[in-house]
Amino acid sequence: MGRTDTGQCELCRRQLLLTAHHLIPRKLHRRKHFKKHYSKIVLQQTISICRDCHRGLHRLYDEMQLGKTLNTLDKLLQDQQVKKHVEWVARQRTAS
């Protein structure tokens, strides 16, 4: 979970320190399915999200589910479990 700058989380929209989330987890990049179906550019795509959202994604879904079915920002935003978690996170206070 590499940290980046402070900014707006692409999931909960809060303004705070962000981390880079690989849309296709790095653990999967060497697997045949992913090598065959995705370019290196696509495999390296990330979104900037807060630590709470990042932790939540990895608690809700394993790497394979994230890589195969939730591998775009739109797919994440449309998923009901992710939506529920993001709505909860958005109501949390940020440290000042």
PDB file of N, CA and C in Angstrom:
ATOM      1  N   MET A   1       0.841  -1.167   0.000  1.00  0.00           N
ATOM      2  CA  MET A   1       0.000   0.000   0.000  1.00  0.00           C
ATOM      3  C   MET A   1       0.892   1.238   0.000  1.00  0.00           C
ATOM      4  N   GLY A   2       1.318   1.682  -1.149  1.00  0.00           N
ATOM      5  CA  GLY A   2       2.187   2.837  -1.219  1.00  0.00           C
ATOM      6  C   GLY A   2       1.424   4.144  -1.029  1.00  0.00           C
ATOM      7  N   ARG A   3       1.951   5.012  -0.228  1.00  0.00           N
ATOM      8  CA  ARG A   3       1.305   6.298   0.020  1.00  0.00           C
ATOM      9  C   ARG A   3       1.646   7.295  -1.072  1.00  0.00           C
ATOM     10  N   THR A   4       0.693   8.131  -1.380  1.00  0.00           N
ATOM     11  CA  THR A   4       0.926   9.216  -2.325  1.00  0.00           C
ATOM     12  C   THR A   4       0.651  10.522  -1.592  1.00  0.00           C
ATOM     13  N   ASP A   5       0.278  11.542  -2.296  1.00  0.00           N
ATOM     14  CA  ASP A   5       0.021  12.833  -1.683  1.00  0.00           C
ATOM     15  C   ASP A   5      -1.371  12.925  -1.091  1.00  0.00           C
ATOM     16  N   THR A   6      -1.618  14.022  -0.413  1.00  0.00           N
ATOM     17  CA  THR A   6      -2.953  14.317   0.084  1.00  0.00           C
ATOM     18  C   THR A   6      -3.810  14.737  -1.101  1.00  0.00           C
ATOM     19  N   GLY A   7      -5.047  14.302  -1.106  1.00  0.00           N
ATOM     20  CA  GLY A   7      -5.966  14.648  -2.183  1.00  0.00           C
ATOM     21  C   GLY A   7      -7.332  14.075  -1.892  1.00  0.00           C
ATOM     22  N   GLN A   8      -8.166  14.006  -2.921  1.00  0.00           N
ATOM     23  CA  GLN A   8      -9.521  13.496  -2.758  1.00  0.00           C
ATOM     24  C   GLN A   8      -9.576  12.010  -3.114  1.00  0.00           C
ATOM     25  N   CYS A   9     -10.084  11.215  -2.196  1.00  0.00           N
ATOM     26  CA  CYS A   9     -10.234   9.781  -2.421  1.00  0.00           C
ATOM     27  C   CYS A   9     -11.209   9.566  -3.570  1.00  0.00           C
ATOM     28  N   GLU A  10     -10.843   8.699  -4.500  1.00  0.00           N
ATOM     29  CA  GLU A  10     -11.692   8.442  -5.665  1.00  0.00           C
ATOM     30  C   GLU A  10     -12.935   7.621  -5.319  1.00  0.00           C
ATOM     31  N   LEU A  11     -12.991   7.082  -4.114  1.00  0.00           N
ATOM     32  CA  LEU A  11     -14.177   6.333  -3.704  1.00  0.00           C
ATOM     33  C   LEU A  11     -15.063   7.153  -2.765  1.00  0.00           C
ATOM     34  N   CYS A  12     -14.549   7.554  -1.610  1.00  0.00           N
ATOM     35  CA  CYS A  12     -15.391   8.248  -0.622  1.00  0.00           C
ATOM     36  C   CYS A  12     -15.404   9.761  -0.777  1.00  0.00           C
ATOM     37  N   ARG A  13     -14.517  10.296  -1.594  1.00  0.00           N
ATOM     38  CA  ARG A  13     -14.420  11.727  -1.902  1.00  0.00           C
ATOM     39  C   ARG A  13     -13.898  12.579  -0.741  1.00  0.00           C
ATOM     40  N   ARG A  14     -13.424  11.953   0.350  1.00  0.00           N
ATOM     41  CA  ARG A  14     -12.845  12.738   1.444  1.00  0.00           C
ATOM     42  C   ARG A  14     -11.473  13.236   1.025  1.00  0.00           C
ATOM     43  N   GLN A  15     -11.059  14.327   1.622  1.00  0.00           N
ATOM     44  CA  GLN A  15      -9.776  14.951   1.344  1.00  0.00           C
ATOM     45  C   GLN A  15      -8.795  14.530   2.433  1.00  0.00           C
ATOM     46  N   LEU A  16      -7.810  13.678   2.093  1.00  0.00           N
ATOM     47  CA  LEU A  16      -6.821  13.228   3.059  1.00  0.00           C
ATOM     48  C   LEU A  16      -5.684  12.489   2.365  1.00  0.00           C
ATOM     49  N   LEU A  17      -4.784  11.884   3.138  1.00  0.00           N
ATOM     50  CA  LEU A  17      -3.647  11.150   2.586  1.00  0.00           C
ATOM     51  C   LEU A  17      -4.156   9.956   1.791  1.00  0.00           C
ATOM     52  N   LEU A  18      -3.617   9.766   0.598  1.00  0.00           N
ATOM     53  CA  LEU A  18      -4.097   8.714  -0.298  1.00  0.00           C
ATOM     54  C   LEU A  18      -3.069   7.611  -0.486  1.00  0.00           C
ATOM     55  N   THR A  19      -3.562   6.437  -0.874  1.00  0.00           N
ATOM     56  CA  THR A  19      -2.709   5.306  -1.221  1.00  0.00           C
ATOM     57  C   THR A  19      -3.055   4.889  -2.650  1.00  0.00           C
ATOM     58  N   ALA A  20      -2.142   4.213  -3.300  1.00  0.00           N
ATOM     59  CA  ALA A  20      -2.378   3.729  -4.664  1.00  0.00           C
ATOM     60  C   ALA A  20      -2.944   2.317  -4.581  1.00  0.00           C
ATOM     61  N   HIS A  21      -4.102   2.108  -5.184  1.00  0.00           N
ATOM     62  CA  HIS A  21      -4.720   0.783  -5.244  1.00  0.00           C
ATOM     63  C   HIS A  21      -4.621   0.270  -6.674  1.00  0.00           C
ATOM     64  N   HIS A  22      -3.928  -0.847  -6.874  1.00  0.00           N
ATOM     65  CA  HIS A  22      -3.851  -1.465  -8.205  1.00  0.00           C
ATOM     66  C   HIS A  22      -5.203  -2.085  -8.528  1.00  0.00           C
ATOM     67  N   LEU A  23      -5.801  -1.686  -9.639  1.00  0.00           N
ATOM     68  CA  LEU A  23      -7.105  -2.225 -10.025  1.00  0.00           C
ATOM     69  C   LEU A  23      -7.027  -3.728 -10.272  1.00  0.00           C
ATOM     70  N   ILE A  24      -5.908  -4.180 -10.795  1.00  0.00           N
ATOM     71  CA  ILE A  24      -5.617  -5.610 -10.873  1.00  0.00           C
ATOM     72  C   ILE A  24      -4.430  -5.823  -9.928  1.00  0.00           C
ATOM     73  N   PRO A  25      -4.681  -6.489  -8.786  1.00  0.00           N
ATOM     74  CA  PRO A  25      -3.621  -6.640  -7.782  1.00  0.00           C
ATOM     75  C   PRO A  25      -2.312  -7.177  -8.372  1.00  0.00           C
ATOM     76  N   ARG A  26      -1.204  -6.604  -7.930  1.00  0.00           N
ATOM     77  CA  ARG A  26       0.122  -6.974  -8.449  1.00  0.00           C
ATOM     78  C   ARG A  26       0.404  -8.460  -8.305  1.00  0.00           C
ATOM     79  N   LYS A  27      -0.151  -9.073  -7.299  1.00  0.00           N
ATOM     80  CA  LYS A  27       0.035 -10.503  -7.060  1.00  0.00           C
ATOM     81  C   LYS A  27      -0.425 -11.335  -8.269  1.00  0.00           C
ATOM     82  N   LEU A  28      -1.344 -10.794  -9.061  1.00  0.00           N
ATOM     83  CA  LEU A  28      -1.925 -11.532 -10.187  1.00  0.00           C
ATOM     84  C   LEU A  28      -1.240 -11.268 -11.525  1.00  0.00           C
ATOM     85  N   HIS A  29      -0.358 -10.289 -11.599  1.00  0.00           N
ATOM     86  CA  HIS A  29       0.225  -9.866 -12.869  1.00  0.00           C
ATOM     87  C   HIS A  29       0.972 -10.971 -13.609  1.00  0.00           C
ATOM     88  N   ARG A  30       1.528 -11.930 -12.910  1.00  0.00           N
ATOM     89  CA  ARG A  30       2.314 -12.995 -13.561  1.00  0.00           C
ATOM     90  C   ARG A  30       1.465 -14.189 -13.981  1.00  0.00           C
ATOM     91  N   ARG A  31       0.223 -14.217 -13.571  1.00  0.00           N
ATOM     92  CA  ARG A  31      -0.648 -15.354 -13.926  1.00  0.00           C
ATOM     93  C   ARG A  31      -1.018 -15.300 -15.398  1.00  0.00           C
ATOM     94  N   LYS A  32      -1.107 -16.484 -16.021  1.00  0.00           N
ATOM     95  CA  LYS A  32      -1.375 -16.582 -17.464  1.00  0.00           C
ATOM     96  C   LYS A  32      -2.618 -15.818 -17.892  1.00  0.00           C
ATOM     97  N   HIS A  33      -3.712 -15.980 -17.165  1.00  0.00           N
ATOM     98  CA  HIS A  33      -4.973 -15.321 -17.533  1.00  0.00           C
ATOM     99  C   HIS A  33      -4.783 -13.807 -17.674  1.00  0.00           C
ATOM    100  N   PHE A  34      -4.111 -13.218 -16.722  1.00  0.00           N
ATOM    101  CA  PHE A  34      -3.954 -11.764 -16.714  1.00  0.00           C
ATOM    102  C   PHE A  34      -2.944 -11.306 -17.763  1.00  0.00           C
ATOM    103  N   LYS A  35      -1.866 -12.075 -17.947  1.00  0.00           N
ATOM    104  CA  LYS A  35      -0.889 -11.755 -18.993  1.00  0.00           C
ATOM    105  C   LYS A  35      -1.530 -11.797 -20.370  1.00  0.00           C
ATOM    106  N   LYS A  36      -2.408 -12.774 -20.566  1.00  0.00           N
ATOM    107  CA  LYS A  36      -3.048 -12.984 -21.859  1.00  0.00           C
ATOM    108  C   LYS A  36      -4.120 -11.926 -22.153  1.00  0.00           C
ATOM    109  N   HIS A  37      -4.876 -11.518 -21.149  1.00  0.00           N
ATOM    110  CA  HIS A  37      -6.032 -10.652 -21.361  1.00  0.00           C
ATOM    111  C   HIS A  37      -5.800  -9.161 -21.107  1.00  0.00           C
ATOM    112  N   TYR A  38      -4.670  -8.809 -20.504  1.00  0.00           N
ATOM    113  CA  TYR A  38      -4.436  -7.406 -20.175  1.00  0.00           C
ATOM    114  C   TYR A  38      -3.026  -6.973 -20.568  1.00  0.00           C
ATOM    115  N   SER A  39      -2.925  -5.765 -21.090  1.00  0.00           N
ATOM    116  CA  SER A  39      -1.607  -5.215 -21.431  1.00  0.00           C
ATOM    117  C   SER A  39      -0.887  -4.801 -20.145  1.00  0.00           C
ATOM    118  N   LYS A  40       0.408  -4.576 -20.249  1.00  0.00           N
ATOM    119  CA  LYS A  40       1.176  -4.124 -19.082  1.00  0.00           C
ATOM    120  C   LYS A  40       0.652  -2.789 -18.568  1.00  0.00           C
ATOM    121  N   ILE A  41       0.216  -1.937 -19.471  1.00  0.00           N
ATOM    122  CA  ILE A  41      -0.325  -0.622 -19.083  1.00  0.00           C
ATOM    123  C   ILE A  41      -1.577  -0.801 -18.235  1.00  0.00           C
ATOM    124  N   VAL A  42      -2.461  -1.685 -18.666  1.00  0.00           N
ATOM    125  CA  VAL A  42      -3.693  -1.940 -17.911  1.00  0.00           C
ATOM    126  C   VAL A  42      -3.361  -2.570 -16.554  1.00  0.00           C
ATOM    127  N   LEU A  43      -2.425  -3.502 -16.536  1.00  0.00           N
ATOM    128  CA  LEU A  43      -2.044  -4.155 -15.282  1.00  0.00           C
ATOM    129  C   LEU A  43      -1.484  -3.160 -14.263  1.00  0.00           C
ATOM    130  N   GLN A  44      -0.885  -2.094 -14.740  1.00  0.00           N
ATOM    131  CA  GLN A  44      -0.257  -1.124 -13.842  1.00  0.00           C
ATOM    132  C   GLN A  44      -1.190  -0.002 -13.406  1.00  0.00           C
ATOM    133  N   GLN A  45      -2.427   0.007 -13.885  1.00  0.00           N
ATOM    134  CA  GLN A  45      -3.349   1.095 -13.544  1.00  0.00           C
ATOM    135  C   GLN A  45      -3.712   1.079 -12.060  1.00  0.00           C
ATOM    136  N   THR A  46      -3.704   2.267 -11.484  1.00  0.00           N
ATOM    137  CA  THR A  46      -4.058   2.420 -10.075  1.00  0.00           C
ATOM    138  C   THR A  46      -5.091   3.525  -9.924  1.00  0.00           C
ATOM    139  N   ILE A  47      -5.739   3.526  -8.765  1.00  0.00           N
ATOM    140  CA  ILE A  47      -6.584   4.650  -8.371  1.00  0.00           C
ATOM    141  C   ILE A  47      -6.057   5.144  -7.034  1.00  0.00           C
ATOM    142  N   SER A  48      -6.298   6.405  -6.733  1.00  0.00           N
ATOM    143  CA  SER A  48      -5.850   6.994  -5.471  1.00  0.00           C
ATOM    144  C   SER A  48      -7.012   6.993  -4.489  1.00  0.00           C
ATOM    145  N   ILE A  49      -6.848   6.206  -3.437  1.00  0.00           N
ATOM    146  CA  ILE A  49      -7.912   6.094  -2.444  1.00  0.00           C
ATOM    147  C   ILE A  49      -7.334   6.207  -1.037  1.00  0.00           C
ATOM    148  N   CYS A  50      -8.203   6.535  -0.089  1.00  0.00           N
ATOM    149  CA  CYS A  50      -7.753   6.677   1.296  1.00  0.00           C
ATOM    150  C   CYS A  50      -7.489   5.301   1.906  1.00  0.00           C
ATOM    151  N   ARG A  51      -6.802   5.295   2.999  1.00  0.00           N
ATOM    152  CA  ARG A  51      -6.441   4.055   3.672  1.00  0.00           C
ATOM    153  C   ARG A  51      -7.687   3.265   4.105  1.00  0.00           C
ATOM    154  N   ASP A  52      -8.731   3.969   4.584  1.00  0.00           N
ATOM    155  CA  ASP A  52      -9.955   3.289   5.029  1.00  0.00           C
ATOM    156  C   ASP A  52     -10.640   2.560   3.873  1.00  0.00           C
ATOM    157  N   CYS A  53     -10.743   3.206   2.730  1.00  0.00           N
ATOM    158  CA  CYS A  53     -11.352   2.565   1.560  1.00  0.00           C
ATOM    159  C   CYS A  53     -10.491   1.410   1.069  1.00  0.00           C
ATOM    160  N   HIS A  54      -9.175   1.610   1.064  1.00  0.00           N
ATOM    161  CA  HIS A  54      -8.244   0.579   0.599  1.00  0.00           C
ATOM    162  C   HIS A  54      -8.360  -0.674   1.470  1.00  0.00           C
ATOM    163  N   ARG A  55      -8.319  -0.472   2.767  1.00  0.00           N
ATOM    164  CA  ARG A  55      -8.441  -1.592   3.700  1.00  0.00           C
ATOM    165  C   ARG A  55      -9.773  -2.309   3.494  1.00  0.00           C
ATOM    166  N   GLY A  56     -10.829  -1.521   3.324  1.00  0.00           N
ATOM    167  CA  GLY A  56     -12.157  -2.095   3.138  1.00  0.00           C
ATOM    168  C   GLY A  56     -12.257  -2.963   1.898  1.00  0.00           C
ATOM    169  N   LEU A  57     -11.684  -2.513   0.785  1.00  0.00           N
ATOM    170  CA  LEU A  57     -11.721  -3.306  -0.451  1.00  0.00           C
ATOM    171  C   LEU A  57     -11.076  -4.666  -0.242  1.00  0.00           C
ATOM    172  N   HIS A  58      -9.934  -4.666   0.426  1.00  0.00           N
ATOM    173  CA  HIS A  58      -9.203  -5.917   0.611  1.00  0.00           C
ATOM    174  C   HIS A  58      -9.824  -6.805   1.690  1.00  0.00           C
ATOM    175  N   ARG A  59     -10.646  -6.230   2.541  1.00  0.00           N
ATOM    176  CA  ARG A  59     -11.391  -7.051   3.505  1.00  0.00           C
ATOM    177  C   ARG A  59     -12.632  -7.659   2.858  1.00  0.00           C
ATOM    178  N   LEU A  60     -13.250  -6.912   1.961  1.00  0.00           N
ATOM    179  CA  LEU A  60     -14.465  -7.388   1.298  1.00  0.00           C
ATOM    180  C   LEU A  60     -14.186  -8.470   0.269  1.00  0.00           C
ATOM    181  N   TYR A  61     -13.090  -8.321  -0.475  1.00  0.00           N
ATOM    182  CA  TYR A  61     -12.816  -9.211  -1.603  1.00  0.00           C
ATOM    183  C   TYR A  61     -11.365  -9.667  -1.616  1.00  0.00           C
ATOM    184  N   ASP A  62     -11.152 -10.884  -2.098  1.00  0.00           N
ATOM    185  CA  ASP A  62      -9.774 -11.355  -2.249  1.00  0.00           C
ATOM    186  C   ASP A  62      -9.198 -10.822  -3.566  1.00  0.00           C
ATOM    187  N   GLU A  63      -7.914 -11.018  -3.762  1.00  0.00           N
ATOM    188  CA  GLU A  63      -7.233 -10.474  -4.940  1.00  0.00           C
ATOM    189  C   GLU A  63      -7.843 -10.949  -6.250  1.00  0.00           C
ATOM    190  N   MET A  64      -8.211 -12.223  -6.316  1.00  0.00           N
ATOM    191  CA  MET A  64      -8.762 -12.775  -7.556  1.00  0.00           C
ATOM    192  C   MET A  64     -10.100 -12.103  -7.896  1.00  0.00           C
ATOM    193  N   GLN A  65     -10.950 -11.903  -6.913  1.00  0.00           N
ATOM    194  CA  GLN A  65     -12.232 -11.229  -7.163  1.00  0.00           C
ATOM    195  C   GLN A  65     -11.993  -9.796  -7.626  1.00  0.00           C
ATOM    196  N   LEU A  66     -11.063  -9.119  -6.971  1.00  0.00           N
ATOM    197  CA  LEU A  66     -10.759  -7.740  -7.369  1.00  0.00           C
ATOM    198  C   LEU A  66     -10.217  -7.705  -8.790  1.00  0.00           C
ATOM    199  N   GLY A  67      -9.296  -8.607  -9.114  1.00  0.00           N
ATOM    200  CA  GLY A  67      -8.662  -8.609 -10.427  1.00  0.00           C
ATOM    201  C   GLY A  67      -9.580  -9.018 -11.564  1.00  0.00           C
ATOM    202  N   LYS A  68     -10.482  -9.943 -11.306  1.00  0.00           N
ATOM    203  CA  LYS A  68     -11.345 -10.445 -12.379  1.00  0.00           C
ATOM    204  C   LYS A  68     -12.656  -9.676 -12.523  1.00  0.00           C
ATOM    205  N   THR A  69     -13.261  -9.261 -11.414  1.00  0.00           N
ATOM    206  CA  THR A  69     -14.597  -8.670 -11.516  1.00  0.00           C
ATOM    207  C   THR A  69     -14.697  -7.208 -11.093  1.00  0.00           C
ATOM    208  N   LEU A  70     -13.743  -6.725 -10.327  1.00  0.00           N
ATOM    209  CA  LEU A  70     -13.812  -5.334  -9.849  1.00  0.00           C
ATOM    210  C   LEU A  70     -12.551  -4.577 -10.243  1.00  0.00           C
ATOM    211  N   ASN A  71     -12.198  -4.659 -11.533  1.00  0.00           N
ATOM    212  CA  ASN A  71     -10.919  -4.132 -12.000  1.00  0.00           C
ATOM    213  C   ASN A  71     -10.996  -2.767 -12.682  1.00  0.00           C
ATOM    214  N   THR A  72     -12.085  -2.022 -12.430  1.00  0.00           N
ATOM    215  CA  THR A  72     -12.173  -0.634 -12.891  1.00  0.00           C
ATOM    216  C   THR A  72     -12.810   0.192 -11.780  1.00  0.00           C
ATOM    217  N   LEU A  73     -12.602   1.476 -11.821  1.00  0.00           N
ATOM    218  CA  LEU A  73     -13.221   2.362 -10.833  1.00  0.00           C
ATOM    219  C   LEU A  73     -14.741   2.280 -10.942  1.00  0.00           C
ATOM    220  N   ASP A  74     -15.280   2.249 -12.151  1.00  0.00           N
ATOM    221  CA  ASP A  74     -16.730   2.156 -12.332  1.00  0.00           C
ATOM    222  C   ASP A  74     -17.299   0.884 -11.707  1.00  0.00           C
ATOM    223  N   LYS A  75     -16.632  -0.233 -11.921  1.00  0.00           N
ATOM    224  CA  LYS A  75     -17.112  -1.499 -11.353  1.00  0.00           C
ATOM    225  C   LYS A  75     -17.082  -1.452  -9.830  1.00  0.00           C
ATOM    226  N   LEU A  76     -16.050  -0.856  -9.262  1.00  0.00           N
ATOM    227  CA  LEU A  76     -15.977  -0.718  -7.805  1.00  0.00           C
ATOM    228  C   LEU A  76     -17.124   0.152  -7.288  1.00  0.00           C
ATOM    229  N   LEU A  77     -17.362   1.275  -7.961  1.00  0.00           N
ATOM    230  CA  LEU A  77     -18.406   2.205  -7.522  1.00  0.00           C
ATOM    231  C   LEU A  77     -19.808   1.615  -7.667  1.00  0.00           C
ATOM    232  N   GLN A  78     -19.992   0.659  -8.561  1.00  0.00           N
ATOM    233  CA  GLN A  78     -21.308   0.050  -8.774  1.00  0.00           C
ATOM    234  C   GLN A  78     -21.562  -1.159  -7.871  1.00  0.00           C
ATOM    235  N   ASP A  79     -20.531  -1.721  -7.278  1.00  0.00           N
ATOM    236  CA  ASP A  79     -20.682  -2.890  -6.431  1.00  0.00           C
ATOM    237  C   ASP A  79     -21.390  -2.511  -5.126  1.00  0.00           C
ATOM    238  N   GLN A  80     -22.428  -3.261  -4.764  1.00  0.00           N
ATOM    239  CA  GLN A  80     -23.239  -2.935  -3.590  1.00  0.00           C
ATOM    240  C   GLN A  80     -22.458  -2.983  -2.278  1.00  0.00           C
ATOM    241  N   GLN A  81     -21.604  -3.983  -2.093  1.00  0.00           N
ATOM    242  CA  GLN A  81     -20.821  -4.061  -0.861  1.00  0.00           C
ATOM    243  C   GLN A  81     -19.824  -2.906  -0.769  1.00  0.00           C
ATOM    244  N   VAL A  82     -19.200  -2.576  -1.882  1.00  0.00           N
ATOM    245  CA  VAL A  82     -18.250  -1.456  -1.899  1.00  0.00           C
ATOM    246  C   VAL A  82     -19.007  -0.161  -1.627  1.00  0.00           C
ATOM    247  N   LYS A  83     -20.153   0.015  -2.262  1.00  0.00           N
ATOM    248  CA  LYS A  83     -20.971   1.228  -2.035  1.00  0.00           C
ATOM    249  C   LYS A  83     -21.293   1.400  -0.560  1.00  0.00           C
ATOM    250  N   LYS A  84     -21.740   0.318   0.062  1.00  0.00           N
ATOM    251  CA  LYS A  84     -22.100   0.367   1.483  1.00  0.00           C
ATOM    252  C   LYS A  84     -20.894   0.775   2.340  1.00  0.00           C
ATOM    253  N   HIS A  85     -19.743   0.168   2.052  1.00  0.00           N
ATOM    254  CA  HIS A  85     -18.530   0.501   2.812  1.00  0.00           C
ATOM    255  C   HIS A  85     -18.128   1.965   2.576  1.00  0.00           C
ATOM    256  N   VAL A  86     -18.152   2.395   1.327  1.00  0.00           N
ATOM    257  CA  VAL A  86     -17.746   3.765   0.985  1.00  0.00           C
ATOM    258  C   VAL A  86     -18.689   4.785   1.638  1.00  0.00           C
ATOM    259  N   GLU A  87     -19.975   4.486   1.665  1.00  0.00           N
ATOM    260  CA  GLU A  87     -20.929   5.388   2.326  1.00  0.00           C
ATOM    261  C   GLU A  87     -20.609   5.509   3.809  1.00  0.00           C
ATOM    262  N   TRP A  88     -20.245   4.388   4.445  1.00  0.00           N
ATOM    263  CA  TRP A  88     -19.872   4.417   5.854  1.00  0.00           C
ATOM    264  C   TRP A  88     -18.591   5.232   6.046  1.00  0.00           C
ATOM    265  N   VAL A  89     -17.586   4.970   5.208  1.00  0.00           N
ATOM    266  CA  VAL A  89     -16.308   5.691   5.319  1.00  0.00           C
ATOM    267  C   VAL A  89     -16.513   7.188   5.129  1.00  0.00           C
ATOM    268  N   ALA A  90     -17.358   7.571   4.188  1.00  0.00           N
ATOM    269  CA  ALA A  90     -17.588   8.995   3.895  1.00  0.00           C
ATOM    270  C   ALA A  90     -18.147   9.744   5.108  1.00  0.00           C
ATOM    271  N   ARG A  91     -18.821   9.050   6.001  1.00  0.00           N
ATOM    272  CA  ARG A  91     -19.389   9.686   7.192  1.00  0.00           C
ATOM    273  C   ARG A  91     -18.381   9.800   8.336  1.00  0.00           C
ATOM    274  N   GLN A  92     -17.222   9.171   8.192  1.00  0.00           N
ATOM    275  CA  GLN A  92     -16.213   9.192   9.254  1.00  0.00           C
ATOM    276  C   GLN A  92     -15.429  10.497   9.224  1.00  0.00           C
ATOM    277  N   ARG A  93     -15.016  10.895  10.374  1.00  0.00           N
ATOM    278  CA  ARG A  93     -14.200  12.119  10.468  1.00  0.00           C
ATOM    279  C   ARG A  93     -12.797  11.854   9.965  1.00  0.00           C
ATOM    280  N   THR A  94     -12.196  12.879   9.431  1.00  0.00           N
ATOM    281  CA  THR A  94     -10.797  12.773   9.031  1.00  0.00           C
ATOM    282  C   THR A  94      -9.961  13.448  10.107  1.00  0.00           C
ATOM    283  N   ALA A  95      -8.775  12.933  10.334  1.00  0.00           N
ATOM    284  CA  ALA A  95      -7.879  13.549  11.318  1.00  0.00           C
ATOM    285  C   ALA A  95      -7.418  14.893  10.808  1.00  0.00           C
ATOM    286  N   SER A  96      -7.458  15.894  11.653  1.00  0.00           N
ATOM    287  CA  SER A  96      -7.047  17.230  11.213  1.00  0.00           C
ATOM    288  C   SER A  96      -5.596  17.482  11.454  1.00  0.00           C
TER     289      SER A  96
END
